[in-house]
Amino acid sequence: MSLTTQQINAIYKLYPNVISTIGDEAFDASGNQVAYDKATVQDYVDAHAYIAKRAAEYPPITDYIDGVVKGDQAQIDKYIADCLAVKAKYPKGVA
């Protein structure tokens, strides 16, 4: 079985001695296999799932920058409101 990108990132975050993964195995700098708790890794992934969900729905930053350049406060306010709506939709730590 292969790990997802999110699981691999979680392993690197939770187990700093891990420098590589192959399949579902993790290894340290000496090539030794590192045991990791799959449930802990999945808990980390679930707790951080909001990040990808938010990123997919945030409005483009160019909308904000365009508003700043034009001095259009209504456009800036709309961008901020849209971002806050996404944050409310996907709160931190909720899968």
N, C-alpha and C. Protein backbone atom coordinates (compact mmCIF):
# COMPACT_ATOMS: atom_id res chain seq x y z
N MET A 1 0.84 -1.18 0.00
CA MET A 1 0.00 0.00 0.00
C MET A 1 0.88 1.25 0.00
N SER A 2 0.50 2.23 -0.76
CA SER A 2 1.24 3.49 -0.79
C SER A 2 0.56 4.53 0.10
N LEU A 3 1.35 5.43 0.60
CA LEU A 3 0.83 6.52 1.42
C LEU A 3 0.39 7.68 0.54
N THR A 4 -0.58 8.44 1.01
CA THR A 4 -0.96 9.66 0.31
C THR A 4 0.06 10.75 0.61
N THR A 5 0.04 11.78 -0.19
CA THR A 5 0.93 12.92 0.05
C THR A 5 0.70 13.50 1.44
N GLN A 6 -0.57 13.59 1.84
CA GLN A 6 -0.90 14.13 3.15
C GLN A 6 -0.34 13.24 4.27
N GLN A 7 -0.41 11.92 4.09
CA GLN A 7 0.13 11.01 5.11
C GLN A 7 1.66 11.12 5.18
N ILE A 8 2.30 11.23 4.02
CA ILE A 8 3.76 11.38 4.01
C ILE A 8 4.16 12.67 4.72
N ASN A 9 3.48 13.76 4.41
CA ASN A 9 3.78 15.03 5.08
C ASN A 9 3.56 14.93 6.58
N ALA A 10 2.52 14.22 6.99
CA ALA A 10 2.25 14.03 8.42
C ALA A 10 3.36 13.24 9.09
N ILE A 11 3.84 12.20 8.42
CA ILE A 11 4.94 11.40 8.98
C ILE A 11 6.18 12.27 9.17
N TYR A 12 6.51 13.07 8.16
CA TYR A 12 7.67 13.95 8.27
C TYR A 12 7.51 14.94 9.43
N LYS A 13 6.31 15.43 9.62
CA LYS A 13 6.05 16.40 10.69
C LYS A 13 6.11 15.72 12.06
N LEU A 14 5.50 14.56 12.18
CA LEU A 14 5.40 13.87 13.47
C LEU A 14 6.66 13.10 13.84
N TYR A 15 7.43 12.68 12.85
CA TYR A 15 8.63 11.87 13.08
C TYR A 15 9.81 12.54 12.37
N PRO A 16 10.43 13.53 13.00
CA PRO A 16 11.49 14.32 12.34
C PRO A 16 12.70 13.51 11.88
N ASN A 17 12.88 12.31 12.44
CA ASN A 17 14.02 11.49 12.02
C ASN A 17 13.76 10.79 10.69
N VAL A 18 12.53 10.80 10.20
CA VAL A 18 12.21 10.17 8.92
C VAL A 18 12.64 11.10 7.79
N ILE A 19 13.39 10.53 6.84
CA ILE A 19 13.83 11.34 5.69
C ILE A 19 13.30 10.81 4.36
N SER A 20 12.72 9.58 4.37
CA SER A 20 12.16 9.04 3.14
C SER A 20 11.09 8.01 3.46
N THR A 21 10.25 7.78 2.45
CA THR A 21 9.24 6.74 2.55
C THR A 21 9.24 5.96 1.24
N ILE A 22 8.96 4.68 1.36
CA ILE A 22 8.79 3.81 0.20
C ILE A 22 7.58 2.95 0.50
N GLY A 23 6.59 3.03 -0.37
CA GLY A 23 5.34 2.32 -0.09
C GLY A 23 4.73 2.88 1.18
N ASP A 24 4.52 2.03 2.17
CA ASP A 24 4.00 2.53 3.45
C ASP A 24 5.04 2.42 4.56
N GLU A 25 6.31 2.33 4.17
CA GLU A 25 7.40 2.25 5.14
C GLU A 25 8.16 3.57 5.20
N ALA A 26 8.67 3.90 6.39
CA ALA A 26 9.43 5.13 6.60
C ALA A 26 10.85 4.77 7.02
N PHE A 27 11.80 5.63 6.61
CA PHE A 27 13.21 5.33 6.87
C PHE A 27 13.94 6.56 7.38
N ASP A 28 14.96 6.32 8.23
CA ASP A 28 15.79 7.41 8.74
C ASP A 28 16.99 7.60 7.82
N ALA A 29 17.90 8.50 8.21
CA ALA A 29 19.05 8.84 7.37
C ALA A 29 20.00 7.66 7.16
N SER A 30 19.99 6.70 8.08
CA SER A 30 20.85 5.53 7.96
C SER A 30 20.20 4.40 7.17
N GLY A 31 18.97 4.63 6.72
CA GLY A 31 18.27 3.60 5.97
C GLY A 31 17.50 2.62 6.84
N ASN A 32 17.47 2.89 8.15
CA ASN A 32 16.74 2.03 9.06
C ASN A 32 15.24 2.33 8.99
N GLN A 33 14.45 1.29 9.05
CA GLN A 33 13.01 1.49 9.03
C GLN A 33 12.57 2.12 10.35
N VAL A 34 11.68 3.10 10.25
CA VAL A 34 11.16 3.80 11.42
C VAL A 34 9.70 3.39 11.60
N ALA A 35 9.39 2.89 12.79
CA ALA A 35 8.01 2.52 13.09
C ALA A 35 7.22 3.80 13.37
N TYR A 36 6.01 3.85 12.84
CA TYR A 36 5.15 5.00 13.11
C TYR A 36 3.74 4.49 13.36
N ASP A 37 2.98 5.27 14.08
CA ASP A 37 1.62 4.90 14.42
C ASP A 37 0.67 5.41 13.33
N LYS A 38 0.06 4.48 12.60
CA LYS A 38 -0.80 4.86 11.48
C LYS A 38 -2.01 5.67 11.93
N ALA A 39 -2.55 5.35 13.10
CA ALA A 39 -3.71 6.09 13.61
C ALA A 39 -3.33 7.52 13.94
N THR A 40 -2.15 7.72 14.52
CA THR A 40 -1.68 9.07 14.84
C THR A 40 -1.47 9.87 13.56
N VAL A 41 -0.91 9.24 12.55
CA VAL A 41 -0.69 9.90 11.27
C VAL A 41 -2.03 10.30 10.66
N GLN A 42 -2.99 9.39 10.67
CA GLN A 42 -4.30 9.70 10.09
C GLN A 42 -5.01 10.79 10.89
N ASP A 43 -4.86 10.77 12.20
CA ASP A 43 -5.45 11.83 13.03
C ASP A 43 -4.87 13.19 12.65
N TYR A 44 -3.56 13.24 12.40
CA TYR A 44 -2.91 14.48 11.99
C TYR A 44 -3.45 14.94 10.63
N VAL A 45 -3.56 14.00 9.70
CA VAL A 45 -4.09 14.33 8.36
C VAL A 45 -5.50 14.89 8.48
N ASP A 46 -6.34 14.22 9.25
CA ASP A 46 -7.73 14.65 9.42
C ASP A 46 -7.82 16.03 10.05
N ALA A 47 -6.96 16.27 11.05
CA ALA A 47 -6.99 17.56 11.74
C ALA A 47 -6.50 18.71 10.87
N HIS A 48 -5.76 18.40 9.81
CA HIS A 48 -5.22 19.43 8.94
C HIS A 48 -5.86 19.45 7.55
N ALA A 49 -6.92 18.70 7.37
CA ALA A 49 -7.60 18.63 6.07
C ALA A 49 -8.19 19.97 5.66
N TYR A 50 -8.51 20.81 6.64
CA TYR A 50 -9.09 22.12 6.34
C TYR A 50 -8.18 22.97 5.46
N ILE A 51 -6.89 22.77 5.54
CA ILE A 51 -5.93 23.60 4.80
C ILE A 51 -6.15 23.45 3.29
N ALA A 52 -6.22 22.23 2.80
CA ALA A 52 -6.42 22.00 1.37
C ALA A 52 -7.81 22.44 0.93
N LYS A 53 -8.80 22.20 1.78
CA LYS A 53 -10.16 22.60 1.44
C LYS A 53 -10.25 24.12 1.30
N ARG A 54 -9.62 24.83 2.24
CA ARG A 54 -9.63 26.29 2.16
C ARG A 54 -8.91 26.77 0.91
N ALA A 55 -7.74 26.21 0.66
CA ALA A 55 -6.93 26.65 -0.49
C ALA A 55 -7.69 26.50 -1.79
N ALA A 56 -8.49 25.44 -1.90
CA ALA A 56 -9.24 25.20 -3.12
C ALA A 56 -10.38 26.22 -3.33
N GLU A 57 -10.84 26.83 -2.24
CA GLU A 57 -12.00 27.72 -2.35
C GLU A 57 -11.71 29.20 -2.14
N TYR A 58 -10.50 29.53 -1.67
CA TYR A 58 -10.18 30.94 -1.51
C TYR A 58 -10.25 31.65 -2.86
N PRO A 59 -10.70 32.90 -2.86
CA PRO A 59 -10.67 33.66 -4.12
C PRO A 59 -9.21 33.95 -4.49
N PRO A 60 -8.95 34.20 -5.77
CA PRO A 60 -7.57 34.49 -6.18
C PRO A 60 -7.06 35.79 -5.52
N ILE A 61 -5.82 35.77 -5.08
CA ILE A 61 -5.21 36.93 -4.42
C ILE A 61 -5.18 38.13 -5.36
N THR A 62 -5.20 37.86 -6.66
CA THR A 62 -5.20 38.97 -7.62
C THR A 62 -6.44 39.84 -7.46
N ASP A 63 -7.55 39.27 -6.98
CA ASP A 63 -8.75 40.08 -6.73
C ASP A 63 -8.46 41.15 -5.68
N TYR A 64 -7.74 40.76 -4.65
CA TYR A 64 -7.38 41.70 -3.58
C TYR A 64 -6.41 42.77 -4.09
N ILE A 65 -5.37 42.29 -4.76
CA ILE A 65 -4.34 43.21 -5.25
C ILE A 65 -4.94 44.21 -6.24
N ASP A 66 -5.82 43.74 -7.11
CA ASP A 66 -6.49 44.62 -8.07
C ASP A 66 -7.27 45.71 -7.33
N GLY A 67 -7.95 45.32 -6.26
CA GLY A 67 -8.70 46.29 -5.46
C GLY A 67 -7.79 47.32 -4.81
N VAL A 68 -6.64 46.86 -4.32
CA VAL A 68 -5.68 47.78 -3.70
C VAL A 68 -5.14 48.76 -4.74
N VAL A 69 -4.74 48.25 -5.88
CA VAL A 69 -4.17 49.10 -6.93
C VAL A 69 -5.18 50.14 -7.40
N LYS A 70 -6.44 49.74 -7.53
CA LYS A 70 -7.49 50.65 -7.99
C LYS A 70 -8.03 51.53 -6.86
N GLY A 71 -7.64 51.23 -5.64
CA GLY A 71 -8.17 51.97 -4.51
C GLY A 71 -9.66 51.68 -4.29
N ASP A 72 -10.09 50.49 -4.66
CA ASP A 72 -11.49 50.10 -4.58
C ASP A 72 -11.75 49.36 -3.26
N GLN A 73 -12.15 50.11 -2.25
CA GLN A 73 -12.36 49.53 -0.93
C GLN A 73 -13.47 48.48 -0.94
N ALA A 74 -14.48 48.66 -1.76
CA ALA A 74 -15.57 47.67 -1.84
C ALA A 74 -15.03 46.33 -2.34
N GLN A 75 -14.13 46.36 -3.32
CA GLN A 75 -13.53 45.13 -3.83
C GLN A 75 -12.65 44.47 -2.77
N ILE A 76 -11.89 45.27 -2.05
CA ILE A 76 -11.05 44.75 -0.97
C ILE A 76 -11.93 44.11 0.11
N ASP A 77 -12.98 44.81 0.49
CA ASP A 77 -13.88 44.28 1.52
C ASP A 77 -14.54 42.98 1.07
N LYS A 78 -14.91 42.90 -0.21
CA LYS A 78 -15.52 41.67 -0.73
C LYS A 78 -14.53 40.53 -0.66
N TYR A 79 -13.28 40.77 -1.03
CA TYR A 79 -12.26 39.73 -0.96
C TYR A 79 -12.12 39.22 0.47
N ILE A 80 -12.02 40.13 1.41
CA ILE A 80 -11.87 39.75 2.81
C ILE A 80 -13.09 38.96 3.28
N ALA A 81 -14.28 39.42 2.92
CA ALA A 81 -15.51 38.72 3.30
C ALA A 81 -15.55 37.31 2.70
N ASP A 82 -15.12 37.18 1.45
CA ASP A 82 -15.10 35.87 0.81
C ASP A 82 -14.12 34.93 1.51
N CYS A 83 -12.97 35.45 1.90
CA CYS A 83 -11.98 34.64 2.63
C CYS A 83 -12.53 34.20 3.99
N LEU A 84 -13.15 35.13 4.68
CA LEU A 84 -13.71 34.80 5.99
C LEU A 84 -14.83 33.77 5.88
N ALA A 85 -15.60 33.82 4.79
CA ALA A 85 -16.65 32.83 4.58
C ALA A 85 -16.05 31.43 4.38
N VAL A 86 -14.94 31.35 3.66
CA VAL A 86 -14.26 30.07 3.46
C VAL A 86 -13.71 29.56 4.79
N LYS A 87 -13.12 30.45 5.58
CA LYS A 87 -12.61 30.05 6.90
C LYS A 87 -13.74 29.53 7.79
N ALA A 88 -14.89 30.16 7.72
CA ALA A 88 -16.04 29.72 8.51
C ALA A 88 -16.54 28.36 8.04
N LYS A 89 -16.49 28.15 6.73
CA LYS A 89 -16.96 26.89 6.15
C LYS A 89 -16.06 25.73 6.54
N TYR A 90 -14.76 25.99 6.62
CA TYR A 90 -13.77 24.95 6.95
C TYR A 90 -12.94 25.40 8.16
N PRO A 91 -13.49 25.29 9.36
CA PRO A 91 -12.73 25.73 10.55
C PRO A 91 -11.53 24.82 10.82
N LYS A 92 -10.55 25.34 11.51
CA LYS A 92 -9.37 24.56 11.87
C LYS A 92 -9.75 23.35 12.70
N GLY A 93 -9.08 22.23 12.38
CA GLY A 93 -9.22 21.02 13.18
C GLY A 93 -10.51 20.26 13.00
N VAL A 94 -11.33 20.62 12.03
CA VAL A 94 -12.57 19.88 11.77
C VAL A 94 -12.42 19.20 10.42
N ALA A 95 -12.53 17.88 10.41
CA ALA A 95 -12.33 17.10 9.17
C ALA A 95 -13.46 17.32 8.19
